């Protein structure tokens, strides 16, 4: 391995360690109202109780996050920290994904810079440890962009199928995700 590649790997590792360190600070904060609502919804019976709650009490949310949180609670318990860990993991997985995407469309230096910004972004750090769906939505949007770039660069049918599946999951995670899909479709159509 050449020296530049080793330095890139080292810098990327430092960014990820810093991102993890910043996010860990928020894992142990007190639960707030919206997080309690997520917890209440996720602890209902799977899947009927969750769907009933979403259709009668919480009309503004879609079910995928609550299904995942329900299963997470069954596996790891329902303490504040363990419930926040689901969001934490998706937040951390998003950091190297930023690098992968940026590296496909720009230089390694700029990809590392974009990754560093994502790693320390106050908005991404604060939302990364909430018992909410935002980090999973961010991860899915990044995954969607990754598959779109792969489809555009390689003209791969497999990438197109992955893109479609990911884009179907986004609004089921965050209802506002439909606007991402509409924007992506509109802008890509204009591009073509």
N, C-alpha and C. Protein backbone atom coordinates (compact mmCIF):
# COMPACT_ATOMS: atom_id res chain seq x y z
N UNK A 1 0.83 -1.18 0.00
CA UNK A 1 0.00 0.00 0.00
C UNK A 1 0.88 1.25 0.00
N UNK A 2 0.48 2.21 -0.81
CA UNK A 2 1.28 3.43 -0.85
C UNK A 2 0.93 4.36 0.33
N UNK A 3 1.79 5.34 0.53
CA UNK A 3 1.68 6.24 1.69
C UNK A 3 0.38 7.04 1.68
N UNK A 4 -0.03 7.48 0.49
CA UNK A 4 -1.25 8.29 0.38
C UNK A 4 -2.48 7.48 0.77
N UNK A 5 -2.52 6.23 0.37
CA UNK A 5 -3.66 5.37 0.72
C UNK A 5 -3.72 5.13 2.23
N UNK A 6 -2.57 4.92 2.83
CA UNK A 6 -2.50 4.72 4.29
C UNK A 6 -2.98 5.97 5.01
N UNK A 7 -2.57 7.15 4.53
CA UNK A 7 -3.01 8.41 5.14
C UNK A 7 -4.52 8.60 5.00
N UNK A 8 -5.07 8.24 3.84
CA UNK A 8 -6.52 8.34 3.65
C UNK A 8 -7.27 7.42 4.61
N UNK A 9 -6.80 6.20 4.75
CA UNK A 9 -7.43 5.25 5.68
C UNK A 9 -7.32 5.76 7.11
N UNK A 10 -6.17 6.29 7.47
CA UNK A 10 -5.97 6.83 8.81
C UNK A 10 -6.90 8.01 9.07
N UNK A 11 -7.00 8.93 8.11
CA UNK A 11 -7.87 10.09 8.26
C UNK A 11 -9.34 9.67 8.36
N UNK A 12 -9.76 8.72 7.53
CA UNK A 12 -11.13 8.21 7.58
C UNK A 12 -11.42 7.56 8.93
N UNK A 13 -10.46 6.81 9.46
CA UNK A 13 -10.61 6.19 10.78
C UNK A 13 -10.75 7.24 11.87
N UNK A 14 -9.95 8.30 11.78
CA UNK A 14 -10.03 9.39 12.77
C UNK A 14 -11.40 10.05 12.71
N UNK A 15 -11.91 10.28 11.51
CA UNK A 15 -13.23 10.89 11.35
C UNK A 15 -14.30 10.01 11.99
N UNK A 16 -14.25 8.71 11.73
CA UNK A 16 -15.26 7.80 12.28
C UNK A 16 -15.16 7.74 13.80
N UNK A 17 -13.95 7.69 14.33
CA UNK A 17 -13.78 7.67 15.80
C UNK A 17 -14.32 8.97 16.41
N UNK A 18 -14.03 10.10 15.78
CA UNK A 18 -14.55 11.38 16.26
C UNK A 18 -16.08 11.41 16.19
N UNK A 19 -16.63 10.92 15.09
CA UNK A 19 -18.09 10.88 14.94
C UNK A 19 -18.73 10.01 16.02
N UNK A 20 -18.13 8.86 16.27
CA UNK A 20 -18.65 7.98 17.33
C UNK A 20 -18.58 8.68 18.68
N UNK A 21 -17.44 9.31 18.96
CA UNK A 21 -17.24 10.00 20.25
C UNK A 21 -18.28 11.09 20.46
N UNK A 22 -18.54 11.89 19.44
CA UNK A 22 -19.53 12.96 19.56
C UNK A 22 -20.93 12.41 19.79
N UNK A 23 -21.25 11.31 19.12
CA UNK A 23 -22.59 10.74 19.25
C UNK A 23 -22.80 10.04 20.59
N UNK A 24 -21.76 9.44 21.11
CA UNK A 24 -21.87 8.76 22.41
C UNK A 24 -22.27 9.75 23.51
N UNK A 25 -21.87 11.00 23.37
CA UNK A 25 -22.22 12.02 24.37
C UNK A 25 -23.72 12.16 24.54
N UNK A 26 -24.49 11.88 23.49
CA UNK A 26 -25.94 12.06 23.52
C UNK A 26 -26.71 10.78 23.84
N UNK A 27 -26.03 9.67 23.95
CA UNK A 27 -26.73 8.40 24.21
C UNK A 27 -27.42 8.38 25.57
N UNK A 28 -26.89 9.08 26.54
CA UNK A 28 -27.37 8.95 27.92
C UNK A 28 -28.18 10.16 28.39
N UNK A 29 -28.71 10.96 27.48
CA UNK A 29 -29.52 12.09 27.88
C UNK A 29 -30.94 11.62 28.23
N UNK A 30 -31.69 12.49 28.90
CA UNK A 30 -33.06 12.13 29.29
C UNK A 30 -33.94 11.98 28.06
N UNK A 31 -34.91 11.11 28.17
CA UNK A 31 -35.86 10.89 27.08
C UNK A 31 -36.80 12.09 26.99
N UNK A 32 -37.17 12.48 25.80
CA UNK A 32 -38.10 13.60 25.64
C UNK A 32 -39.38 13.12 24.98
N UNK A 33 -40.35 14.00 24.83
CA UNK A 33 -41.71 13.61 24.46
C UNK A 33 -41.79 12.79 23.17
N UNK A 34 -41.19 13.27 22.09
CA UNK A 34 -41.27 12.55 20.82
C UNK A 34 -40.64 11.16 20.91
N UNK A 35 -39.57 11.06 21.69
CA UNK A 35 -38.94 9.75 21.88
C UNK A 35 -39.87 8.82 22.66
N UNK A 36 -40.55 9.37 23.65
CA UNK A 36 -41.51 8.57 24.42
C UNK A 36 -42.65 8.09 23.53
N UNK A 37 -43.07 8.92 22.58
CA UNK A 37 -44.10 8.52 21.63
C UNK A 37 -43.61 7.36 20.75
N UNK A 38 -42.35 7.44 20.32
CA UNK A 38 -41.77 6.34 19.53
C UNK A 38 -41.74 5.06 20.34
N UNK A 39 -41.32 5.18 21.58
CA UNK A 39 -41.26 4.03 22.48
C UNK A 39 -42.64 3.43 22.67
N UNK A 40 -43.63 4.27 22.93
CA UNK A 40 -45.01 3.80 23.15
C UNK A 40 -45.52 3.05 21.92
N UNK A 41 -45.28 3.59 20.74
CA UNK A 41 -45.73 2.95 19.51
C UNK A 41 -45.02 1.62 19.29
N UNK A 42 -43.71 1.61 19.49
CA UNK A 42 -42.91 0.41 19.21
C UNK A 42 -43.20 -0.72 20.19
N UNK A 43 -43.66 -0.42 21.38
CA UNK A 43 -43.89 -1.51 22.34
C UNK A 43 -45.28 -2.13 22.20
N UNK A 44 -46.06 -1.67 21.24
CA UNK A 44 -47.36 -2.29 20.97
C UNK A 44 -47.13 -3.64 20.30
N UNK A 45 -48.19 -4.43 20.21
CA UNK A 45 -48.10 -5.75 19.59
C UNK A 45 -47.69 -5.61 18.12
N UNK A 46 -46.85 -6.55 17.68
CA UNK A 46 -46.31 -6.51 16.32
C UNK A 46 -47.15 -7.40 15.42
N UNK A 47 -47.53 -7.01 14.27
CA UNK A 47 -47.52 -5.68 13.67
C UNK A 47 -48.83 -4.92 13.89
N UNK A 48 -49.88 -5.66 14.29
CA UNK A 48 -51.23 -5.06 14.38
C UNK A 48 -51.33 -3.92 15.36
N UNK A 49 -50.76 -4.07 16.55
CA UNK A 49 -50.84 -3.02 17.56
C UNK A 49 -50.12 -1.76 17.12
N UNK A 50 -48.98 -1.93 16.47
CA UNK A 50 -48.23 -0.78 15.96
C UNK A 50 -49.04 -0.06 14.88
N UNK A 51 -49.58 -0.82 13.95
CA UNK A 51 -50.37 -0.22 12.87
C UNK A 51 -51.61 0.46 13.43
N UNK A 52 -52.28 -0.17 14.39
CA UNK A 52 -53.47 0.43 15.00
C UNK A 52 -53.11 1.76 15.66
N UNK A 53 -52.00 1.78 16.39
CA UNK A 53 -51.56 3.02 17.03
C UNK A 53 -51.25 4.11 16.00
N UNK A 54 -50.59 3.72 14.92
CA UNK A 54 -50.25 4.71 13.88
C UNK A 54 -51.49 5.23 13.17
N UNK A 55 -52.51 4.38 13.03
CA UNK A 55 -53.73 4.79 12.32
C UNK A 55 -54.72 5.55 13.20
N UNK A 56 -54.60 5.39 14.51
CA UNK A 56 -55.57 6.03 15.40
C UNK A 56 -54.99 7.16 16.24
N UNK A 57 -53.74 7.05 16.64
CA UNK A 57 -53.14 8.02 17.55
C UNK A 57 -52.08 8.87 16.86
N UNK A 58 -51.28 8.25 16.02
CA UNK A 58 -50.09 8.91 15.46
C UNK A 58 -50.16 8.89 13.94
N UNK A 59 -51.08 9.66 13.37
CA UNK A 59 -51.34 9.61 11.93
C UNK A 59 -50.22 10.15 11.06
N UNK A 60 -49.22 10.77 11.65
CA UNK A 60 -48.19 11.42 10.86
C UNK A 60 -46.98 10.54 10.55
N UNK A 61 -46.96 9.31 11.05
CA UNK A 61 -45.77 8.47 10.85
C UNK A 61 -46.10 7.18 10.11
N UNK A 62 -45.09 6.66 9.45
CA UNK A 62 -45.20 5.39 8.74
C UNK A 62 -44.52 4.29 9.55
N UNK A 63 -44.79 3.02 9.27
CA UNK A 63 -44.48 1.95 10.22
C UNK A 63 -43.06 1.37 10.25
N UNK A 64 -42.26 1.52 9.22
CA UNK A 64 -41.01 0.75 9.16
C UNK A 64 -40.11 0.97 10.37
N UNK A 65 -39.91 2.22 10.76
CA UNK A 65 -39.05 2.49 11.92
C UNK A 65 -39.59 1.82 13.17
N UNK A 66 -40.88 1.90 13.37
CA UNK A 66 -41.48 1.34 14.59
C UNK A 66 -41.40 -0.18 14.61
N UNK A 67 -41.51 -0.80 13.43
CA UNK A 67 -41.30 -2.25 13.34
C UNK A 67 -39.87 -2.61 13.75
N UNK A 68 -38.90 -1.85 13.19
CA UNK A 68 -37.49 -2.11 13.54
C UNK A 68 -37.23 -1.88 15.03
N UNK A 69 -37.78 -0.80 15.57
CA UNK A 69 -37.59 -0.50 16.99
C UNK A 69 -38.24 -1.56 17.86
N UNK A 70 -39.39 -2.05 17.46
CA UNK A 70 -40.06 -3.12 18.21
C UNK A 70 -39.16 -4.35 18.30
N UNK A 71 -38.62 -4.76 17.16
CA UNK A 71 -37.73 -5.93 17.14
C UNK A 71 -36.45 -5.65 17.94
N UNK A 72 -35.93 -4.42 17.85
CA UNK A 72 -34.74 -4.03 18.60
C UNK A 72 -34.99 -4.14 20.11
N UNK A 73 -36.15 -3.67 20.55
CA UNK A 73 -36.52 -3.75 21.97
C UNK A 73 -36.63 -5.20 22.41
N UNK A 74 -37.21 -6.04 21.56
CA UNK A 74 -37.33 -7.48 21.89
C UNK A 74 -35.95 -8.10 22.06
N UNK A 75 -34.99 -7.69 21.24
CA UNK A 75 -33.64 -8.27 21.30
C UNK A 75 -32.79 -7.70 22.43
N UNK A 76 -32.88 -6.38 22.65
CA UNK A 76 -31.91 -5.73 23.54
C UNK A 76 -32.51 -5.02 24.75
N UNK A 77 -33.83 -5.01 24.87
CA UNK A 77 -34.45 -4.37 26.02
C UNK A 77 -34.89 -2.96 25.69
N UNK A 78 -35.56 -2.32 26.67
CA UNK A 78 -36.14 -1.01 26.39
C UNK A 78 -35.62 0.10 27.32
N UNK A 79 -34.34 0.04 27.61
CA UNK A 79 -33.75 1.17 28.31
C UNK A 79 -33.54 2.30 27.30
N UNK A 80 -33.40 3.50 27.79
CA UNK A 80 -33.21 4.65 26.89
C UNK A 80 -31.97 4.45 26.01
N UNK A 81 -30.91 3.98 26.62
CA UNK A 81 -29.66 3.81 25.87
C UNK A 81 -29.78 2.74 24.80
N UNK A 82 -30.37 1.60 25.13
CA UNK A 82 -30.47 0.53 24.13
C UNK A 82 -31.40 0.93 23.00
N UNK A 83 -32.48 1.65 23.30
CA UNK A 83 -33.37 2.08 22.22
C UNK A 83 -32.69 3.10 21.32
N UNK A 84 -31.87 3.96 21.89
CA UNK A 84 -31.15 4.97 21.10
C UNK A 84 -30.05 4.34 20.24
N UNK A 85 -29.58 3.19 20.62
CA UNK A 85 -28.49 2.55 19.90
C UNK A 85 -28.87 2.19 18.47
N UNK A 86 -30.15 1.91 18.22
CA UNK A 86 -30.58 1.62 16.84
C UNK A 86 -30.31 2.82 15.94
N UNK A 87 -30.72 4.00 16.37
CA UNK A 87 -30.45 5.22 15.59
C UNK A 87 -28.95 5.50 15.51
N UNK A 88 -28.27 5.28 16.61
CA UNK A 88 -26.82 5.49 16.68
C UNK A 88 -26.09 4.66 15.62
N UNK A 89 -26.46 3.40 15.48
CA UNK A 89 -25.79 2.53 14.51
C UNK A 89 -26.00 3.00 13.07
N UNK A 90 -27.24 3.38 12.74
CA UNK A 90 -27.49 3.87 11.38
C UNK A 90 -26.76 5.18 11.13
N UNK A 91 -26.66 6.00 12.18
CA UNK A 91 -25.92 7.25 12.05
C UNK A 91 -24.45 6.99 11.76
N UNK A 92 -23.86 6.05 12.46
CA UNK A 92 -22.45 5.72 12.25
C UNK A 92 -22.24 5.08 10.87
N UNK A 93 -23.17 4.22 10.45
CA UNK A 93 -23.05 3.60 9.13
C UNK A 93 -23.14 4.64 8.01
N UNK A 94 -23.79 5.75 8.27
CA UNK A 94 -23.92 6.80 7.26
C UNK A 94 -22.59 7.50 6.98
N UNK A 95 -21.71 7.55 7.96
CA UNK A 95 -20.45 8.28 7.81
C UNK A 95 -19.58 7.67 6.69
N UNK A 96 -19.25 6.37 6.73
CA UNK A 96 -18.46 5.83 5.62
C UNK A 96 -19.23 5.82 4.30
N UNK A 97 -20.56 5.79 4.38
CA UNK A 97 -21.35 5.82 3.15
C UNK A 97 -21.20 7.17 2.45
N UNK A 98 -21.09 8.24 3.22
CA UNK A 98 -20.81 9.56 2.64
C UNK A 98 -19.50 9.51 1.87
N UNK A 99 -18.49 8.87 2.46
CA UNK A 99 -17.19 8.76 1.80
C UNK A 99 -17.32 7.97 0.49
N UNK A 100 -18.02 6.86 0.53
CA UNK A 100 -18.18 6.01 -0.66
C UNK A 100 -18.85 6.80 -1.78
N UNK A 101 -19.91 7.52 -1.44
CA UNK A 101 -20.64 8.29 -2.46
C UNK A 101 -19.77 9.41 -3.01
N UNK A 102 -19.18 10.19 -2.12
CA UNK A 102 -18.36 11.33 -2.56
C UNK A 102 -17.16 10.87 -3.36
N UNK A 103 -16.59 9.74 -2.99
CA UNK A 103 -15.42 9.22 -3.70
C UNK A 103 -15.77 8.81 -5.13
N UNK A 104 -17.03 8.44 -5.36
CA UNK A 104 -17.45 8.04 -6.71
C UNK A 104 -17.61 9.24 -7.64
N UNK A 105 -17.85 10.42 -7.07
CA UNK A 105 -18.15 11.57 -7.93
C UNK A 105 -17.13 12.70 -7.82
N UNK A 106 -16.14 12.55 -6.94
CA UNK A 106 -15.14 13.59 -6.77
C UNK A 106 -13.81 12.97 -6.35
N UNK A 107 -12.87 13.78 -5.92
CA UNK A 107 -11.56 13.27 -5.52
C UNK A 107 -11.59 12.69 -4.11
N UNK A 108 -10.57 11.91 -3.77
CA UNK A 108 -10.47 11.34 -2.42
C UNK A 108 -10.37 12.43 -1.36
N UNK A 109 -9.66 13.49 -1.66
CA UNK A 109 -9.51 14.59 -0.70
C UNK A 109 -10.86 15.23 -0.40
N UNK A 110 -11.63 15.50 -1.44
CA UNK A 110 -12.95 16.09 -1.25
C UNK A 110 -13.91 15.10 -0.59
N UNK A 111 -13.76 13.82 -0.88
CA UNK A 111 -14.59 12.81 -0.23
C UNK A 111 -14.29 12.75 1.27
N UNK A 112 -13.02 12.85 1.64
CA UNK A 112 -12.66 12.88 3.05
C UNK A 112 -13.19 14.14 3.72
N UNK A 113 -13.15 15.27 3.03
CA UNK A 113 -13.69 16.51 3.57
C UNK A 113 -15.20 16.39 3.80
N UNK A 114 -15.92 15.84 2.82
CA UNK A 114 -17.38 15.64 2.96
C UNK A 114 -17.68 14.71 4.13
N UNK A 115 -16.88 13.68 4.28
CA UNK A 115 -17.06 12.73 5.38
C UNK A 115 -16.82 13.41 6.72
N UNK A 116 -15.81 14.25 6.77
CA UNK A 116 -15.52 14.98 8.01
C UNK A 116 -16.68 15.90 8.38
N UNK A 117 -17.25 16.56 7.40
CA UNK A 117 -18.40 17.43 7.67
C UNK A 117 -19.58 16.61 8.19
N UNK A 118 -19.84 15.48 7.55
CA UNK A 118 -20.94 14.62 8.01
C UNK A 118 -20.67 14.08 9.42
N UNK A 119 -19.42 13.81 9.71
CA UNK A 119 -19.06 13.25 11.02
C UNK A 119 -19.28 14.21 12.17
N UNK A 120 -19.11 15.51 11.92
CA UNK A 120 -19.22 16.48 13.01
C UNK A 120 -20.42 17.42 12.86
N UNK A 121 -21.22 17.25 11.85
CA UNK A 121 -22.38 18.10 11.64
C UNK A 121 -23.28 18.10 12.88
N UNK A 122 -23.53 19.26 13.49
CA UNK A 122 -24.34 19.30 14.70
C UNK A 122 -25.72 18.67 14.53
N UNK A 123 -26.35 18.93 13.39
CA UNK A 123 -27.68 18.37 13.15
C UNK A 123 -27.64 16.84 13.12
N UNK A 124 -26.67 16.29 12.40
CA UNK A 124 -26.55 14.83 12.32
C UNK A 124 -26.14 14.23 13.65
N UNK A 125 -25.31 14.92 14.41
CA UNK A 125 -24.89 14.42 15.72
C UNK A 125 -26.06 14.38 16.68
N UNK A 126 -26.81 15.47 16.78
CA UNK A 126 -27.91 15.54 17.74
C UNK A 126 -29.01 14.53 17.41
N UNK A 127 -29.38 14.44 16.12
CA UNK A 127 -30.45 13.51 15.76
C UNK A 127 -29.98 12.05 15.76
N UNK A 128 -28.69 11.82 15.82
CA UNK A 128 -28.17 10.47 15.71
C UNK A 128 -28.51 9.57 16.89
N UNK A 129 -28.84 10.15 18.00
CA UNK A 129 -29.10 9.34 19.19
C UNK A 129 -30.51 9.51 19.72
N UNK A 130 -31.41 9.97 18.90
CA UNK A 130 -32.80 10.08 19.33
C UNK A 130 -33.53 8.79 18.98
N UNK A 131 -34.52 8.49 19.78
CA UNK A 131 -35.36 7.32 19.51
C UNK A 131 -36.38 7.76 18.47
N UNK A 132 -35.87 8.06 17.30
CA UNK A 132 -36.66 8.54 16.17
C UNK A 132 -36.10 7.95 14.89
N UNK A 133 -36.79 8.19 13.81
CA UNK A 133 -36.47 7.56 12.53
C UNK A 133 -35.47 8.32 11.67
N UNK A 134 -35.03 9.49 12.10
CA UNK A 134 -34.22 10.37 11.24
C UNK A 134 -32.90 9.75 10.77
N UNK A 135 -32.10 9.12 11.64
CA UNK A 135 -30.84 8.54 11.14
C UNK A 135 -31.04 7.42 10.12
N UNK A 136 -32.13 6.67 10.28
CA UNK A 136 -32.40 5.61 9.30
C UNK A 136 -32.81 6.23 7.96
N UNK A 137 -33.59 7.30 8.02
CA UNK A 137 -33.98 7.99 6.79
C UNK A 137 -32.76 8.57 6.08
N UNK A 138 -31.85 9.17 6.84
CA UNK A 138 -30.62 9.71 6.25
C UNK A 138 -29.81 8.59 5.60
N UNK A 139 -29.68 7.47 6.30
CA UNK A 139 -28.95 6.32 5.76
C UNK A 139 -29.58 5.83 4.46
N UNK A 140 -30.90 5.72 4.43
CA UNK A 140 -31.58 5.24 3.23
C UNK A 140 -31.44 6.23 2.06
N UNK A 141 -31.48 7.53 2.34
CA UNK A 141 -31.28 8.52 1.28
C UNK A 141 -29.86 8.41 0.72
N UNK A 142 -28.89 8.26 1.60
CA UNK A 142 -27.51 8.08 1.13
C UNK A 142 -27.36 6.81 0.31
N UNK A 143 -28.00 5.74 0.77
CA UNK A 143 -27.96 4.48 0.02
C UNK A 143 -28.60 4.65 -1.35
N UNK A 144 -29.70 5.39 -1.40
CA UNK A 144 -30.38 5.67 -2.66
C UNK A 144 -29.45 6.43 -3.61
N UNK A 145 -28.78 7.46 -3.10
CA UNK A 145 -27.84 8.20 -3.94
C UNK A 145 -26.70 7.32 -4.43
N UNK A 146 -26.22 6.43 -3.57
CA UNK A 146 -25.16 5.51 -3.95
C UNK A 146 -25.61 4.62 -5.11
N UNK A 147 -26.82 4.07 -5.00
CA UNK A 147 -27.32 3.19 -6.07
C UNK A 147 -27.61 3.98 -7.35
N UNK A 148 -28.05 5.22 -7.22
CA UNK A 148 -28.28 6.05 -8.40
C UNK A 148 -26.97 6.32 -9.13
N UNK A 149 -25.93 6.64 -8.37
CA UNK A 149 -24.61 6.87 -8.98
C UNK A 149 -24.11 5.59 -9.65
N UNK A 150 -24.26 4.46 -8.97
CA UNK A 150 -23.85 3.18 -9.57
C UNK A 150 -24.62 2.91 -10.87
N UNK A 151 -25.92 3.17 -10.84
CA UNK A 151 -26.73 2.94 -12.04
C UNK A 151 -26.28 3.85 -13.18
N UNK A 152 -26.02 5.11 -12.84
CA UNK A 152 -25.62 6.08 -13.85
C UNK A 152 -24.23 5.76 -14.42
N UNK A 153 -23.31 5.34 -13.56
CA UNK A 153 -21.94 5.10 -14.02
C UNK A 153 -21.76 3.73 -14.66
N UNK A 154 -22.46 2.72 -14.16
CA UNK A 154 -22.24 1.35 -14.65
C UNK A 154 -23.39 0.83 -15.51
N UNK A 155 -24.52 1.57 -15.52
CA UNK A 155 -25.73 1.13 -16.22
C UNK A 155 -26.11 -0.29 -15.82
N UNK A 156 -26.07 -0.53 -14.52
CA UNK A 156 -26.32 -1.85 -13.96
C UNK A 156 -27.79 -2.01 -13.57
N UNK A 157 -28.42 -3.07 -14.06
CA UNK A 157 -29.80 -3.36 -13.67
C UNK A 157 -29.91 -3.68 -12.19
N UNK A 158 -28.89 -4.32 -11.62
CA UNK A 158 -28.89 -4.63 -10.19
C UNK A 158 -28.94 -3.36 -9.37
N UNK A 159 -28.19 -2.35 -9.78
CA UNK A 159 -28.21 -1.06 -9.08
C UNK A 159 -29.57 -0.39 -9.20
N UNK A 160 -30.20 -0.52 -10.35
CA UNK A 160 -31.53 0.05 -10.53
C UNK A 160 -32.54 -0.61 -9.61
N UNK A 161 -32.48 -1.93 -9.48
CA UNK A 161 -33.39 -2.65 -8.59
C UNK A 161 -33.14 -2.23 -7.14
N UNK A 162 -31.87 -2.13 -6.73
CA UNK A 162 -31.55 -1.68 -5.37
C UNK A 162 -32.04 -0.26 -5.14
N UNK A 163 -31.91 0.60 -6.14
CA UNK A 163 -32.39 1.98 -6.04
C UNK A 163 -33.90 2.01 -5.84
N UNK A 164 -34.62 1.23 -6.60
CA UNK A 164 -36.09 1.20 -6.48
C UNK A 164 -36.51 0.70 -5.11
N UNK A 165 -35.90 -0.39 -4.64
CA UNK A 165 -36.24 -0.94 -3.32
C UNK A 165 -35.94 0.08 -2.22
N UNK A 166 -34.77 0.70 -2.28
CA UNK A 166 -34.41 1.70 -1.27
C UNK A 166 -35.38 2.86 -1.29
N UNK A 167 -35.73 3.33 -2.49
CA UNK A 167 -36.66 4.46 -2.59
C UNK A 167 -38.07 4.09 -2.14
N UNK A 168 -38.44 2.83 -2.21
CA UNK A 168 -39.72 2.40 -1.66
C UNK A 168 -39.68 2.40 -0.12
N UNK A 169 -38.53 2.09 0.44
CA UNK A 169 -38.42 2.03 1.90
C UNK A 169 -38.39 3.41 2.56
N UNK A 170 -37.89 4.41 1.84
CA UNK A 170 -37.73 5.74 2.43
C UNK A 170 -39.04 6.32 2.96
N UNK A 171 -40.14 6.37 2.18
CA UNK A 171 -41.37 6.93 2.75
C UNK A 171 -42.01 6.05 3.82
N UNK A 172 -41.66 4.78 3.87
CA UNK A 172 -42.16 3.91 4.93
C UNK A 172 -41.37 4.09 6.22
N UNK A 173 -40.26 4.82 6.13
CA UNK A 173 -39.46 5.15 7.31
C UNK A 173 -39.81 6.54 7.81
N UNK A 174 -39.90 7.48 6.90
CA UNK A 174 -40.22 8.87 7.23
C UNK A 174 -41.20 9.36 6.17
N UNK A 175 -42.38 9.74 6.59
CA UNK A 175 -43.43 10.10 5.63
C UNK A 175 -42.98 11.20 4.68
N UNK A 176 -42.17 12.14 5.14
CA UNK A 176 -41.66 13.19 4.28
C UNK A 176 -40.69 12.70 3.22
N UNK A 177 -40.27 11.44 3.33
CA UNK A 177 -39.39 10.85 2.35
C UNK A 177 -39.98 10.81 0.95
N UNK A 178 -41.30 10.91 0.87
CA UNK A 178 -41.94 10.94 -0.45
C UNK A 178 -41.47 12.15 -1.25
N UNK A 179 -41.16 13.25 -0.53
CA UNK A 179 -40.67 14.45 -1.22
C UNK A 179 -39.27 14.23 -1.80
N UNK A 180 -38.47 13.42 -1.10
CA UNK A 180 -37.16 13.06 -1.66
C UNK A 180 -37.36 12.29 -2.96
N UNK A 181 -38.27 11.31 -2.94
CA UNK A 181 -38.50 10.50 -4.14
C UNK A 181 -39.02 11.35 -5.29
N UNK A 182 -39.95 12.26 -5.00
CA UNK A 182 -40.49 13.13 -6.05
C UNK A 182 -39.38 14.02 -6.61
N UNK A 183 -38.57 14.59 -5.73
CA UNK A 183 -37.46 15.44 -6.17
C UNK A 183 -36.45 14.67 -7.00
N UNK A 184 -36.10 13.48 -6.53
CA UNK A 184 -35.14 12.66 -7.26
C UNK A 184 -35.66 12.32 -8.65
N UNK A 185 -36.91 11.88 -8.73
CA UNK A 185 -37.51 11.52 -10.01
C UNK A 185 -37.56 12.73 -10.94
N UNK A 186 -37.98 13.87 -10.41
CA UNK A 186 -38.10 15.08 -11.22
C UNK A 186 -36.74 15.53 -11.74
N UNK A 187 -35.77 15.64 -10.84
CA UNK A 187 -34.45 16.13 -11.25
C UNK A 187 -33.73 15.14 -12.16
N UNK A 188 -33.90 13.84 -11.90
CA UNK A 188 -33.24 12.86 -12.78
C UNK A 188 -33.90 12.87 -14.16
N UNK A 189 -35.20 13.10 -14.21
CA UNK A 189 -35.89 13.19 -15.50
C UNK A 189 -35.40 14.40 -16.29
N UNK A 190 -35.21 15.52 -15.60
CA UNK A 190 -34.68 16.72 -16.25
C UNK A 190 -33.26 16.45 -16.74
N UNK A 191 -32.47 15.78 -15.91
CA UNK A 191 -31.09 15.44 -16.28
C UNK A 191 -31.05 14.59 -17.55
N UNK A 192 -31.96 13.63 -17.63
CA UNK A 192 -31.98 12.74 -18.82
C UNK A 192 -32.43 13.51 -20.05
